[in-house]
Amino acid sequence: MSKLVKKTPKKLGQRPASKAHKTNTELVTLRLYVAGQTPKSLSAIANLKRICEQHMITKYRIDVIDLMANPQLAASDQILAIPTLVRKLPEPVRKIIGDLSSTQRVLIALDIPQELGGRNAISESA
């Protein structure tokens, strides 16, 4: 005897959710590498905070790493340009370079689950 399996059609323009993004309990860990208090660095920090506050549906953590104060930290994530945003968790690691002014580019490049109105910050380190 066979069972009837009813599948709901996918909505146009939506990607299927990956296993990593099926729950809202997973922590997204973001590391932003900057160089001092330059306008580009400050813009990247502000843009990242705005994007996370407006679009994240999961809990997230932002670590801002100033390479002027700790240049040796660039080696761990192989940072060649700044500002660079690295999504450490969930794996795989993803990177994006620039001031993060294009919200859609950031969300797509880092494969961050998104929803309007999400406020899930755990902590931020400066």
PDB file of N, CA and C in Angstrom:
ATOM      1  N   MET A   1       0.835  -1.170   0.000  1.00  0.00           N
ATOM      2  CA  MET A   1       0.000   0.000   0.000  1.00  0.00           C
ATOM      3  C   MET A   1       0.886   1.242   0.000  1.00  0.00           C
ATOM      4  N   SER A   2       0.611   2.192  -0.837  1.00  0.00           N
ATOM      5  CA  SER A   2       1.424   3.401  -0.913  1.00  0.00           C
ATOM      6  C   SER A   2       0.737   4.552  -0.192  1.00  0.00           C
ATOM      7  N   LYS A   3       1.565   5.455   0.311  1.00  0.00           N
ATOM      8  CA  LYS A   3       1.044   6.626   1.012  1.00  0.00           C
ATOM      9  C   LYS A   3       1.050   7.816   0.082  1.00  0.00           C
ATOM     10  N   LEU A   4       0.079   8.640   0.225  1.00  0.00           N
ATOM     11  CA  LEU A   4      -0.003   9.861  -0.557  1.00  0.00           C
ATOM     12  C   LEU A   4       0.730  10.957   0.206  1.00  0.00           C
ATOM     13  N   VAL A   5       1.709  11.543  -0.432  1.00  0.00           N
ATOM     14  CA  VAL A   5       2.470  12.611   0.184  1.00  0.00           C
ATOM     15  C   VAL A   5       2.092  13.908  -0.498  1.00  0.00           C
ATOM     16  N   LYS A   6       1.609  14.832   0.278  1.00  0.00           N
ATOM     17  CA  LYS A   6       1.192  16.120  -0.267  1.00  0.00           C
ATOM     18  C   LYS A   6       2.323  17.118  -0.082  1.00  0.00           C
ATOM     19  N   LYS A   7       2.783  17.695  -1.168  1.00  0.00           N
ATOM     20  CA  LYS A   7       3.849  18.694  -1.124  1.00  0.00           C
ATOM     21  C   LYS A   7       3.255  20.057  -1.409  1.00  0.00           C
ATOM     22  N   THR A   8       3.706  21.043  -0.648  1.00  0.00           N
ATOM     23  CA  THR A   8       3.252  22.397  -0.916  1.00  0.00           C
ATOM     24  C   THR A   8       4.177  23.024  -1.947  1.00  0.00           C
ATOM     25  N   PRO A   9       3.652  23.755  -2.888  1.00  0.00           N
ATOM     26  CA  PRO A   9       4.508  24.370  -3.909  1.00  0.00           C
ATOM     27  C   PRO A   9       5.388  25.457  -3.309  1.00  0.00           C
ATOM     28  N   LYS A  10       6.584  25.602  -3.866  1.00  0.00           N
ATOM     29  CA  LYS A  10       7.495  26.657  -3.431  1.00  0.00           C
ATOM     30  C   LYS A  10       7.005  27.989  -3.972  1.00  0.00           C
ATOM     31  N   LYS A  11       7.155  29.021  -3.163  1.00  0.00           N
ATOM     32  CA  LYS A  11       6.815  30.360  -3.628  1.00  0.00           C
ATOM     33  C   LYS A  11       7.916  30.849  -4.552  1.00  0.00           C
ATOM     34  N   LEU A  12       7.535  31.558  -5.578  1.00  0.00           N
ATOM     35  CA  LEU A  12       8.517  32.091  -6.505  1.00  0.00           C
ATOM     36  C   LEU A  12       9.422  33.086  -5.814  1.00  0.00           C
ATOM     37  N   GLY A  13      10.712  33.048  -6.141  1.00  0.00           N
ATOM     38  CA  GLY A  13      11.664  34.000  -5.603  1.00  0.00           C
ATOM     39  C   GLY A  13      12.220  33.626  -4.245  1.00  0.00           C
ATOM     40  N   GLN A  14      11.826  32.484  -3.696  1.00  0.00           N
ATOM     41  CA  GLN A  14      12.344  32.080  -2.396  1.00  0.00           C
ATOM     42  C   GLN A  14      13.281  30.907  -2.556  1.00  0.00           C
ATOM     43  N   ARG A  15      14.381  30.935  -1.799  1.00  0.00           N
ATOM     44  CA  ARG A  15      15.291  29.808  -1.752  1.00  0.00           C
ATOM     45  C   ARG A  15      14.835  28.879  -0.650  1.00  0.00           C
ATOM     46  N   PRO A  16      15.020  27.570  -0.833  1.00  0.00           N
ATOM     47  CA  PRO A  16      14.690  26.667   0.261  1.00  0.00           C
ATOM     48  C   PRO A  16      15.620  26.916   1.431  1.00  0.00           C
ATOM     49  N   ALA A  17      15.115  26.787   2.630  1.00  0.00           N
ATOM     50  CA  ALA A  17      15.939  27.008   3.827  1.00  0.00           C
ATOM     51  C   ALA A  17      16.951  25.893   3.965  1.00  0.00           C
ATOM     52  N   SER A  18      18.192  26.256   4.243  1.00  0.00           N
ATOM     53  CA  SER A  18      19.214  25.237   4.451  1.00  0.00           C
ATOM     54  C   SER A  18      19.053  24.657   5.844  1.00  0.00           C
ATOM     55  N   LYS A  19      19.673  23.509   6.080  1.00  0.00           N
ATOM     56  CA  LYS A  19      19.590  22.870   7.381  1.00  0.00           C
ATOM     57  C   LYS A  19      20.070  23.791   8.486  1.00  0.00           C
ATOM     58  N   ALA A  20      21.100  24.577   8.203  1.00  0.00           N
ATOM     59  CA  ALA A  20      21.673  25.463   9.211  1.00  0.00           C
ATOM     60  C   ALA A  20      20.707  26.561   9.629  1.00  0.00           C
ATOM     61  N   HIS A  21      19.712  26.866   8.791  1.00  0.00           N
ATOM     62  CA  HIS A  21      18.842  27.995   9.074  1.00  0.00           C
ATOM     63  C   HIS A  21      17.416  27.589   9.396  1.00  0.00           C
ATOM     64  N   LYS A  22      17.175  26.330   9.716  1.00  0.00           N
ATOM     65  CA  LYS A  22      15.821  25.887   9.996  1.00  0.00           C
ATOM     66  C   LYS A  22      15.315  26.317  11.357  1.00  0.00           C
ATOM     67  N   THR A  23      16.205  26.551  12.303  1.00  0.00           N
ATOM     68  CA  THR A  23      15.770  26.957  13.627  1.00  0.00           C
ATOM     69  C   THR A  23      16.198  28.384  13.911  1.00  0.00           C
ATOM     70  N   ASN A  24      15.468  29.029  14.788  1.00  0.00           N
ATOM     71  CA  ASN A  24      15.806  30.387  15.185  1.00  0.00           C
ATOM     72  C   ASN A  24      16.733  30.405  16.390  1.00  0.00           C
ATOM     73  N   THR A  25      17.187  29.252  16.850  1.00  0.00           N
ATOM     74  CA  THR A  25      17.998  29.199  18.057  1.00  0.00           C
ATOM     75  C   THR A  25      19.489  29.201  17.766  1.00  0.00           C
ATOM     76  N   GLU A  26      19.877  29.038  16.521  1.00  0.00           N
ATOM     77  CA  GLU A  26      21.297  28.988  16.186  1.00  0.00           C
ATOM     78  C   GLU A  26      21.908  30.389  16.226  1.00  0.00           C
ATOM     79  N   LEU A  27      23.100  30.477  16.798  1.00  0.00           N
ATOM     80  CA  LEU A  27      23.802  31.757  16.917  1.00  0.00           C
ATOM     81  C   LEU A  27      24.617  32.021  15.663  1.00  0.00           C
ATOM     82  N   VAL A  28      24.433  33.201  15.069  1.00  0.00           N
ATOM     83  CA  VAL A  28      25.251  33.638  13.947  1.00  0.00           C
ATOM     84  C   VAL A  28      26.354  34.504  14.527  1.00  0.00           C
ATOM     85  N   THR A  29      27.610  34.114  14.277  1.00  0.00           N
ATOM     86  CA  THR A  29      28.750  34.848  14.804  1.00  0.00           C
ATOM     87  C   THR A  29      29.406  35.618  13.669  1.00  0.00           C
ATOM     88  N   LEU A  30      29.444  36.938  13.815  1.00  0.00           N
ATOM     89  CA  LEU A  30      30.013  37.819  12.801  1.00  0.00           C
ATOM     90  C   LEU A  30      31.228  38.527  13.381  1.00  0.00           C
ATOM     91  N   ARG A  31      32.280  38.607  12.582  1.00  0.00           N
ATOM     92  CA  ARG A  31      33.506  39.290  13.005  1.00  0.00           C
ATOM     93  C   ARG A  31      33.822  40.343  11.949  1.00  0.00           C
ATOM     94  N   LEU A  32      33.851  41.612  12.361  1.00  0.00           N
ATOM     95  CA  LEU A  32      34.132  42.714  11.450  1.00  0.00           C
ATOM     96  C   LEU A  32      35.524  43.252  11.732  1.00  0.00           C
ATOM     97  N   TYR A  33      36.394  43.164  10.735  1.00  0.00           N
ATOM     98  CA  TYR A  33      37.761  43.680  10.849  1.00  0.00           C
ATOM     99  C   TYR A  33      37.794  45.086  10.274  1.00  0.00           C
ATOM    100  N   VAL A  34      38.296  46.037  11.082  1.00  0.00           N
ATOM    101  CA  VAL A  34      38.413  47.429  10.669  1.00  0.00           C
ATOM    102  C   VAL A  34      39.808  47.933  11.012  1.00  0.00           C
ATOM    103  N   ALA A  35      40.121  49.143  10.551  1.00  0.00           N
ATOM    104  CA  ALA A  35      41.418  49.761  10.861  1.00  0.00           C
ATOM    105  C   ALA A  35      41.173  51.125  11.466  1.00  0.00           C
ATOM    106  N   GLY A  36      41.098  51.183  12.781  1.00  0.00           N
ATOM    107  CA  GLY A  36      40.915  52.456  13.463  1.00  0.00           C
ATOM    108  C   GLY A  36      39.525  53.027  13.283  1.00  0.00           C
ATOM    109  N   GLN A  37      39.419  54.331  13.484  1.00  0.00           N
ATOM    110  CA  GLN A  37      38.146  55.039  13.432  1.00  0.00           C
ATOM    111  C   GLN A  37      37.996  55.819  12.130  1.00  0.00           C
ATOM    112  N   THR A  38      38.362  55.220  11.008  1.00  0.00           N
ATOM    113  CA  THR A  38      38.250  55.890   9.715  1.00  0.00           C
ATOM    114  C   THR A  38      36.778  55.971   9.311  1.00  0.00           C
ATOM    115  N   PRO A  39      36.439  56.889   8.403  1.00  0.00           N
ATOM    116  CA  PRO A  39      35.048  56.972   7.945  1.00  0.00           C
ATOM    117  C   PRO A  39      34.529  55.651   7.368  1.00  0.00           C
ATOM    118  N   LYS A  40      35.380  54.934   6.632  1.00  0.00           N
ATOM    119  CA  LYS A  40      34.955  53.662   6.049  1.00  0.00           C
ATOM    120  C   LYS A  40      34.700  52.619   7.137  1.00  0.00           C
ATOM    121  N   SER A  41      35.541  52.605   8.161  1.00  0.00           N
ATOM    122  CA  SER A  41      35.359  51.668   9.278  1.00  0.00           C
ATOM    123  C   SER A  41      34.075  51.983  10.046  1.00  0.00           C
ATOM    124  N   LEU A  42      33.864  53.242  10.345  1.00  0.00           N
ATOM    125  CA  LEU A  42      32.667  53.648  11.081  1.00  0.00           C
ATOM    126  C   LEU A  42      31.399  53.358  10.286  1.00  0.00           C
ATOM    127  N   SER A  43      31.480  53.567   8.974  1.00  0.00           N
ATOM    128  CA  SER A  43      30.345  53.266   8.101  1.00  0.00           C
ATOM    129  C   SER A  43      30.039  51.766   8.101  1.00  0.00           C
ATOM    130  N   ALA A  44      31.069  50.941   8.026  1.00  0.00           N
ATOM    131  CA  ALA A  44      30.880  49.488   8.027  1.00  0.00           C
ATOM    132  C   ALA A  44      30.242  49.029   9.337  1.00  0.00           C
ATOM    133  N   ILE A  45      30.691  49.571  10.455  1.00  0.00           N
ATOM    134  CA  ILE A  45      30.132  49.196  11.760  1.00  0.00           C
ATOM    135  C   ILE A  45      28.654  49.579  11.828  1.00  0.00           C
ATOM    136  N   ALA A  46      28.344  50.810  11.449  1.00  0.00           N
ATOM    137  CA  ALA A  46      26.956  51.283  11.482  1.00  0.00           C
ATOM    138  C   ALA A  46      26.072  50.479  10.543  1.00  0.00           C
ATOM    139  N   ASN A  47      26.563  50.202   9.335  1.00  0.00           N
ATOM    140  CA  ASN A  47      25.782  49.426   8.370  1.00  0.00           C
ATOM    141  C   ASN A  47      25.521  48.015   8.873  1.00  0.00           C
ATOM    142  N   LEU A  48      26.529  47.378   9.461  1.00  0.00           N
ATOM    143  CA  LEU A  48      26.353  46.019   9.970  1.00  0.00           C
ATOM    144  C   LEU A  48      25.327  45.985  11.098  1.00  0.00           C
ATOM    145  N   LYS A  49      25.411  46.921  12.021  1.00  0.00           N
ATOM    146  CA  LYS A  49      24.436  46.961  13.113  1.00  0.00           C
ATOM    147  C   LYS A  49      23.025  47.156  12.581  1.00  0.00           C
ATOM    148  N   ARG A  50      22.873  48.054  11.611  1.00  0.00           N
ATOM    149  CA  ARG A  50      21.555  48.315  11.015  1.00  0.00           C
ATOM    150  C   ARG A  50      21.011  47.070  10.327  1.00  0.00           C
ATOM    151  N   ILE A  51      21.848  46.413   9.536  1.00  0.00           N
ATOM    152  CA  ILE A  51      21.426  45.210   8.815  1.00  0.00           C
ATOM    153  C   ILE A  51      20.985  44.127   9.795  1.00  0.00           C
ATOM    154  N   CYS A  52      21.772  43.900  10.827  1.00  0.00           N
ATOM    155  CA  CYS A  52      21.435  42.863  11.800  1.00  0.00           C
ATOM    156  C   CYS A  52      20.147  43.184  12.547  1.00  0.00           C
ATOM    157  N   GLU A  53      19.986  44.429  12.983  1.00  0.00           N
ATOM    158  CA  GLU A  53      18.784  44.810  13.720  1.00  0.00           C
ATOM    159  C   GLU A  53      17.528  44.687  12.873  1.00  0.00           C
ATOM    160  N   GLN A  54      17.640  44.974  11.586  1.00  0.00           N
ATOM    161  CA  GLN A  54      16.464  44.984  10.727  1.00  0.00           C
ATOM    162  C   GLN A  54      16.162  43.645  10.068  1.00  0.00           C
ATOM    163  N   HIS A  55      17.167  42.781   9.895  1.00  0.00           N
ATOM    164  CA  HIS A  55      16.960  41.613   9.049  1.00  0.00           C
ATOM    165  C   HIS A  55      17.237  40.251   9.672  1.00  0.00           C
ATOM    166  N   MET A  56      17.878  40.186  10.799  1.00  0.00           N
ATOM    167  CA  MET A  56      18.231  38.882  11.364  1.00  0.00           C
ATOM    168  C   MET A  56      17.037  38.242  12.062  1.00  0.00           C
ATOM    169  N   ILE A  57      16.836  36.956  11.826  1.00  0.00           N
ATOM    170  CA  ILE A  57      15.790  36.218  12.519  1.00  0.00           C
ATOM    171  C   ILE A  57      16.398  35.292  13.570  1.00  0.00           C
ATOM    172  N   THR A  58      17.701  35.088  13.518  1.00  0.00           N
ATOM    173  CA  THR A  58      18.374  34.258  14.510  1.00  0.00           C
ATOM    174  C   THR A  58      19.140  35.160  15.468  1.00  0.00           C
ATOM    175  N   LYS A  59      19.588  34.599  16.569  1.00  0.00           N
ATOM    176  CA  LYS A  59      20.435  35.350  17.490  1.00  0.00           C
ATOM    177  C   LYS A  59      21.791  35.534  16.830  1.00  0.00           C
ATOM    178  N   TYR A  60      22.404  36.672  17.094  1.00  0.00           N
ATOM    179  CA  TYR A  60      23.687  36.967  16.475  1.00  0.00           C
ATOM    180  C   TYR A  60      24.618  37.651  17.461  1.00  0.00           C
ATOM    181  N   ARG A  61      25.879  37.568  17.119  1.00  0.00           N
ATOM    182  CA  ARG A  61      26.920  38.216  17.917  1.00  0.00           C
ATOM    183  C   ARG A  61      27.858  38.916  16.951  1.00  0.00           C
ATOM    184  N   ILE A  62      28.208  40.168  17.265  1.00  0.00           N
ATOM    185  CA  ILE A  62      29.126  40.940  16.429  1.00  0.00           C
ATOM    186  C   ILE A  62      30.396  41.198  17.224  1.00  0.00           C
ATOM    187  N   ASP A  63      31.537  40.816  16.661  1.00  0.00           N
ATOM    188  CA  ASP A  63      32.840  41.137  17.235  1.00  0.00           C
ATOM    189  C   ASP A  63      33.527  42.095  16.284  1.00  0.00           C
ATOM    190  N   VAL A  64      33.841  43.299  16.757  1.00  0.00           N
ATOM    191  CA  VAL A  64      34.552  44.280  15.944  1.00  0.00           C
ATOM    192  C   VAL A  64      36.021  44.217  16.347  1.00  0.00           C
ATOM    193  N   ILE A  65      36.886  43.944  15.368  1.00  0.00           N
ATOM    194  CA  ILE A  65      38.311  43.803  15.634  1.00  0.00           C
ATOM    195  C   ILE A  65      39.061  44.926  14.936  1.00  0.00           C
ATOM    196  N   ASP A  66      39.717  45.757  15.726  1.00  0.00           N
ATOM    197  CA  ASP A  66      40.487  46.885  15.215  1.00  0.00           C
ATOM    198  C   ASP A  66      41.915  46.406  14.948  1.00  0.00           C
ATOM    199  N   LEU A  67      42.278  46.318  13.679  1.00  0.00           N
ATOM    200  CA  LEU A  67      43.609  45.825  13.310  1.00  0.00           C
ATOM    201  C   LEU A  67      44.710  46.848  13.563  1.00  0.00           C
ATOM    202  N   MET A  68      44.348  48.085  13.844  1.00  0.00           N
ATOM    203  CA  MET A  68      45.367  49.067  14.237  1.00  0.00           C
ATOM    204  C   MET A  68      45.880  48.724  15.640  1.00  0.00           C
ATOM    205  N   ALA A  69      45.007  48.226  16.478  1.00  0.00           N
ATOM    206  CA  ALA A  69      45.385  47.857  17.843  1.00  0.00           C
ATOM    207  C   ALA A  69      45.952  46.439  17.919  1.00  0.00           C
ATOM    208  N   ASN A  70      45.444  45.535  17.081  1.00  0.00           N
ATOM    209  CA  ASN A  70      45.852  44.123  17.116  1.00  0.00           C
ATOM    210  C   ASN A  70      46.081  43.587  15.702  1.00  0.00           C
ATOM    211  N   PRO A  71      47.143  43.997  15.021  1.00  0.00           N
ATOM    212  CA  PRO A  71      47.348  43.571  13.624  1.00  0.00           C
ATOM    213  C   PRO A  71      47.558  42.068  13.470  1.00  0.00           C
ATOM    214  N   GLN A  72      48.039  41.396  14.499  1.00  0.00           N
ATOM    215  CA  GLN A  72      48.288  39.959  14.407  1.00  0.00           C
ATOM    216  C   GLN A  72      46.988  39.162  14.249  1.00  0.00           C
ATOM    217  N   LEU A  73      45.854  39.728  14.599  1.00  0.00           N
ATOM    218  CA  LEU A  73      44.578  39.022  14.492  1.00  0.00           C
ATOM    219  C   LEU A  73      44.112  38.848  13.046  1.00  0.00           C
ATOM    220  N   ALA A  74      44.693  39.575  12.123  1.00  0.00           N
ATOM    221  CA  ALA A  74      44.319  39.461  10.712  1.00  0.00           C
ATOM    222  C   ALA A  74      44.680  38.102  10.132  1.00  0.00           C
ATOM    223  N   ALA A  75      45.703  37.473  10.656  1.00  0.00           N
ATOM    224  CA  ALA A  75      46.170  36.195  10.114  1.00  0.00           C
ATOM    225  C   ALA A  75      45.171  35.067  10.331  1.00  0.00           C
ATOM    226  N   SER A  76      44.464  35.069  11.449  1.00  0.00           N
ATOM    227  CA  SER A  76      43.569  33.949  11.758  1.00  0.00           C
ATOM    228  C   SER A  76      42.463  33.776  10.723  1.00  0.00           C
ATOM    229  N   ASP A  77      41.931  34.859  10.174  1.00  0.00           N
ATOM    230  CA  ASP A  77      40.891  34.782   9.151  1.00  0.00           C
ATOM    231  C   ASP A  77      41.401  35.172   7.767  1.00  0.00           C
ATOM    232  N   GLN A  78      42.711  35.258   7.622  1.00  0.00           N
ATOM    233  CA  GLN A  78      43.347  35.592   6.342  1.00  0.00           C
ATOM    234  C   GLN A  78      42.775  36.883   5.753  1.00  0.00           C
ATOM    235  N   ILE A  79      42.836  37.950   6.529  1.00  0.00           N
ATOM    236  CA  ILE A  79      42.295  39.244   6.120  1.00  0.00           C
ATOM    237  C   ILE A  79      43.328  39.972   5.264  1.00  0.00           C
ATOM    238  N   LEU A  80      42.923  40.318   4.048  1.00  0.00           N
ATOM    239  CA  LEU A  80      43.808  41.007   3.115  1.00  0.00           C
ATOM    240  C   LEU A  80      43.375  42.438   2.841  1.00  0.00           C
ATOM    241  N   ALA A  81      42.124  42.753   3.116  1.00  0.00           N
ATOM    242  CA  ALA A  81      41.595  44.100   2.883  1.00  0.00           C
ATOM    243  C   ALA A  81      40.660  44.447   4.037  1.00  0.00           C
ATOM    244  N   ILE A  82      40.473  45.735   4.257  1.00  0.00           N
ATOM    245  CA  ILE A  82      39.574  46.152   5.322  1.00  0.00           C
ATOM    246  C   ILE A  82      38.660  47.268   4.825  1.00  0.00           C
ATOM    247  N   PRO A  83      37.470  47.386   5.356  1.00  0.00           N
ATOM    248  CA  PRO A  83      36.848  46.486   6.303  1.00  0.00           C
ATOM    249  C   PRO A  83      36.447  45.160   5.653  1.00  0.00           C
ATOM    250  N   THR A  84      36.530  44.081   6.429  1.00  0.00           N
ATOM    251  CA  THR A  84      36.100  42.756   6.004  1.00  0.00           C
ATOM    252  C   THR A  84      35.194  42.170   7.075  1.00  0.00           C
ATOM    253  N   LEU A  85      34.045  41.652   6.634  1.00  0.00           N
ATOM    254  CA  LEU A  85      33.120  40.982   7.530  1.00  0.00           C
ATOM    255  C   LEU A  85      33.247  39.486   7.307  1.00  0.00           C
ATOM    256  N   VAL A  86      33.386  38.740   8.402  1.00  0.00           N
ATOM    257  CA  VAL A  86      33.505  37.284   8.334  1.00  0.00           C
ATOM    258  C   VAL A  86      32.359  36.678   9.136  1.00  0.00           C
ATOM    259  N   ARG A  87      31.609  35.791   8.492  1.00  0.00           N
ATOM    260  CA  ARG A  87      30.610  35.016   9.230  1.00  0.00           C
ATOM    261  C   ARG A  87      31.306  33.744   9.674  1.00  0.00           C
ATOM    262  N   LYS A  88      31.608  33.637  10.970  1.00  0.00           N
ATOM    263  CA  LYS A  88      32.313  32.483  11.522  1.00  0.00           C
ATOM    264  C   LYS A  88      31.381  31.291  11.713  1.00  0.00           C
ATOM    265  N   LEU A  89      30.211  31.546  12.234  1.00  0.00           N
ATOM    266  CA  LEU A  89      29.217  30.493  12.461  1.00  0.00           C
ATOM    267  C   LEU A  89      27.884  30.977  11.948  1.00  0.00           C
ATOM    268  N   PRO A  90      27.040  30.126  11.422  1.00  0.00           N
ATOM    269  CA  PRO A  90      27.272  28.714  11.170  1.00  0.00           C
ATOM    270  C   PRO A  90      28.231  28.518  10.005  1.00  0.00           C
ATOM    271  N   GLU A  91      28.884  27.388  10.011  1.00  0.00           N
ATOM    272  CA  GLU A  91      29.820  27.071   8.931  1.00  0.00           C
ATOM    273  C   GLU A  91      29.032  26.804   7.656  1.00  0.00           C
ATOM    274  N   PRO A  92      29.578  26.998   6.487  1.00  0.00           N
ATOM    275  CA  PRO A  92      30.957  27.362   6.190  1.00  0.00           C
ATOM    276  C   PRO A  92      31.198  28.853   6.428  1.00  0.00           C
ATOM    277  N   VAL A  93      32.458  29.189   6.655  1.00  0.00           N
ATOM    278  CA  VAL A  93      32.857  30.583   6.850  1.00  0.00           C
ATOM    279  C   VAL A  93      32.604  31.345   5.554  1.00  0.00           C
ATOM    280  N   ARG A  94      32.069  32.549   5.676  1.00  0.00           N
ATOM    281  CA  ARG A  94      31.823  33.405   4.508  1.00  0.00           C
ATOM    282  C   ARG A  94      32.394  34.786   4.797  1.00  0.00           C
ATOM    283  N   LYS A  95      32.852  35.468   3.727  1.00  0.00           N
ATOM    284  CA  LYS A  95      33.466  36.793   3.881  1.00  0.00           C
ATOM    285  C   LYS A  95      32.890  37.767   2.876  1.00  0.00           C
ATOM    286  N   ILE A  96      32.894  39.043   3.274  1.00  0.00           N
ATOM    287  CA  ILE A  96      32.534  40.115   2.360  1.00  0.00           C
ATOM    288  C   ILE A  96      33.399  41.323   2.712  1.00  0.00           C
ATOM    289  N   ILE A  97      33.926  41.977   1.684  1.00  0.00           N
ATOM    290  CA  ILE A  97      34.821  43.125   1.853  1.00  0.00           C
ATOM    291  C   ILE A  97      34.081  44.394   1.470  1.00  0.00           C
ATOM    292  N   GLY A  98      34.277  45.457   2.241  1.00  0.00           N
ATOM    293  CA  GLY A  98      33.684  46.749   1.905  1.00  0.00           C
ATOM    294  C   GLY A  98      32.979  47.368   3.090  1.00  0.00           C
ATOM    295  N   ASP A  99      32.290  48.483   2.833  1.00  0.00           N
ATOM    296  CA  ASP A  99      31.641  49.221   3.916  1.00  0.00           C
ATOM    297  C   ASP A  99      30.233  48.716   4.234  1.00  0.00           C
ATOM    298  N   LEU A 100      29.807  47.633   3.570  1.00  0.00           N
ATOM    299  CA  LEU A 100      28.532  46.967   3.842  1.00  0.00           C
ATOM    300  C   LEU A 100      27.328  47.861   3.565  1.00  0.00           C
ATOM    301  N   SER A 101      27.464  48.776   2.615  1.00  0.00           N
ATOM    302  CA  SER A 101      26.386  49.717   2.317  1.00  0.00           C
ATOM    303  C   SER A 101      25.239  49.084   1.536  1.00  0.00           C
ATOM    304  N   SER A 102      25.469  47.969   0.874  1.00  0.00           N
ATOM    305  CA  SER A 102      24.415  47.281   0.128  1.00  0.00           C
ATOM    306  C   SER A 102      23.852  46.143   0.981  1.00  0.00           C
ATOM    307  N   THR A 103      22.700  46.384   1.564  1.00  0.00           N
ATOM    308  CA  THR A 103      22.077  45.402   2.454  1.00  0.00           C
ATOM    309  C   THR A 103      21.864  44.068   1.755  1.00  0.00           C
ATOM    310  N   GLN A 104      21.279  44.089   0.572  1.00  0.00           N
ATOM    311  CA  GLN A 104      20.997  42.839  -0.140  1.00  0.00           C
ATOM    312  C   GLN A 104      22.276  42.069  -0.443  1.00  0.00           C
ATOM    313  N   ARG A 105      23.318  42.777  -0.828  1.00  0.00           N
ATOM    314  CA  ARG A 105      24.594  42.129  -1.132  1.00  0.00           C
ATOM    315  C   ARG A 105      25.152  41.423   0.105  1.00  0.00           C
ATOM    316  N   VAL A 106      25.059  42.072   1.245  1.00  0.00           N
ATOM    317  CA  VAL A 106      25.557  41.492   2.495  1.00  0.00           C
ATOM    318  C   VAL A 106      24.748  40.255   2.862  1.00  0.00           C
ATOM    319  N   LEU A 107      23.429  40.356   2.832  1.00  0.00           N
ATOM    320  CA  LEU A 107      22.575  39.243   3.220  1.00  0.00           C
ATOM    321  C   LEU A 107      22.755  38.036   2.306  1.00  0.00           C
ATOM    322  N   ILE A 108      22.867  38.280   1.025  1.00  0.00           N
ATOM    323  CA  ILE A 108      23.050  37.182   0.080  1.00  0.00           C
ATOM    324  C   ILE A 108      24.442  36.589   0.178  1.00  0.00           C
ATOM    325  N   ALA A 109      25.451  37.437   0.220  1.00  0.00           N
ATOM    326  CA  ALA A 109      26.833  36.945   0.251  1.00  0.00           C
ATOM    327  C   ALA A 109      27.116  36.105   1.494  1.00  0.00           C
ATOM    328  N   LEU A 110      26.552  36.489   2.613  1.00  0.00           N
ATOM    329  CA  LEU A 110      26.812  35.767   3.854  1.00  0.00           C
ATOM    330  C   LEU A 110      25.769  34.695   4.148  1.00  0.00           C
ATOM    331  N   ASP A 111      24.750  34.580   3.289  1.00  0.00           N
ATOM    332  CA  ASP A 111      23.688  33.593   3.457  1.00  0.00           C
ATOM    333  C   ASP A 111      23.088  33.686   4.859  1.00  0.00           C
ATOM    334  N   ILE A 112      22.759  34.918   5.240  1.00  0.00           N
ATOM    335  CA  ILE A 112      22.199  35.174   6.557  1.00  0.00           C
ATOM    336  C   ILE A 112      20.683  35.054   6.470  1.00  0.00           C
ATOM    337  N   PRO A 113      20.079  34.259   7.366  1.00  0.00           N
ATOM    338  CA  PRO A 113      18.618  34.207   7.379  1.00  0.00           C
ATOM    339  C   PRO A 113      18.080  35.587   7.719  1.00  0.00           C
ATOM    340  N   GLN A 114      16.993  35.978   7.075  1.00  0.00           N
ATOM    341  CA  GLN A 114      16.541  37.343   7.248  1.00  0.00           C
ATOM    342  C   GLN A 114      15.042  37.444   7.407  1.00  0.00           C
ATOM    343  N   GLU A 115      14.646  38.494   8.091  1.00  0.00           N
ATOM    344  CA  GLU A 115      13.242  38.820   8.277  1.00  0.00           C
ATOM    345  C   GLU A 115      13.188  40.249   8.779  1.00  0.00           C
ATOM    346  N   LEU A 116      12.260  41.003   8.321  1.00  0.00           N
ATOM    347  CA  LEU A 116      12.137  42.383   8.795  1.00  0.00           C
ATOM    348  C   LEU A 116      11.755  42.401  10.262  1.00  0.00           C
ATOM    349  N   GLY A 117      12.381  43.314  10.976  1.00  0.00           N
ATOM    350  CA  GLY A 117      12.007  43.519  12.363  1.00  0.00           C
ATOM    351  C   GLY A 117      12.683  42.624  13.375  1.00  0.00           C
ATOM    352  N   GLY A 118      13.739  41.908  13.022  1.00  0.00           N
ATOM    353  CA  GLY A 118      14.387  41.024  13.985  1.00  0.00           C
ATOM    354  C   GLY A 118      15.367  41.764  14.868  1.00  0.00           C
ATOM    355  N   ARG A 119      15.282  41.594  16.173  1.00  0.00           N
ATOM    356  CA  ARG A 119      16.235  42.201  17.118  1.00  0.00           C
ATOM    357  C   ARG A 119      16.714  41.098  18.029  1.00  0.00           C
ATOM    358  N   ASN A 120      17.856  40.509  17.700  1.00  0.00           N
ATOM    359  CA  ASN A 120      18.321  39.349  18.433  1.00  0.00           C
ATOM    360  C   ASN A 120      19.784  39.445  18.820  1.00  0.00           C
ATOM    361  N   ALA A 121      20.276  40.617  19.119  1.00  0.00           N
ATOM    362  CA  ALA A 121      21.687  40.764  19.460  1.00  0.00           C
ATOM    363  C   ALA A 121      21.989  40.083  20.791  1.00  0.00           C
ATOM    364  N   ILE A 122      23.066  39.316  20.837  1.00  0.00           N
ATOM    365  CA  ILE A 122      23.516  38.691  22.078  1.00  0.00           C
ATOM    366  C   ILE A 122      24.474  39.659  22.754  1.00  0.00           C
ATOM    367  N   SER A 123      25.547  40.002  22.061  1.00  0.00           N
ATOM    368  CA  SER A 123      26.529  40.928  22.625  1.00  0.00           C
ATOM    369  C   SER A 123      27.341  41.519  21.489  1.00  0.00           C
ATOM    370  N   GLU A 124      27.979  42.593  21.786  1.00  0.00           N
ATOM    371  CA  GLU A 124      28.878  43.219  20.828  1.00  0.00           C
ATOM    372  C   GLU A 124      30.149  43.556  21.563  1.00  0.00           C
ATOM    373  N   SER A 125      31.278  43.347  20.912  1.00  0.00           N
ATOM    374  CA  SER A 125      32.544  43.723  21.525  1.00  0.00           C
ATOM    375  C   SER A 125      33.222  44.752  20.651  1.00  0.00           C
ATOM    376  N   ALA A 126      33.837  45.715  21.260  1.00  0.00           N
ATOM    377  CA  ALA A 126      34.482  46.793  20.488  1.00  0.00           C
ATOM    378  C   ALA A 126      35.963  46.622  20.479  1.00  0.00           C
TER     379      ALA A 126
END
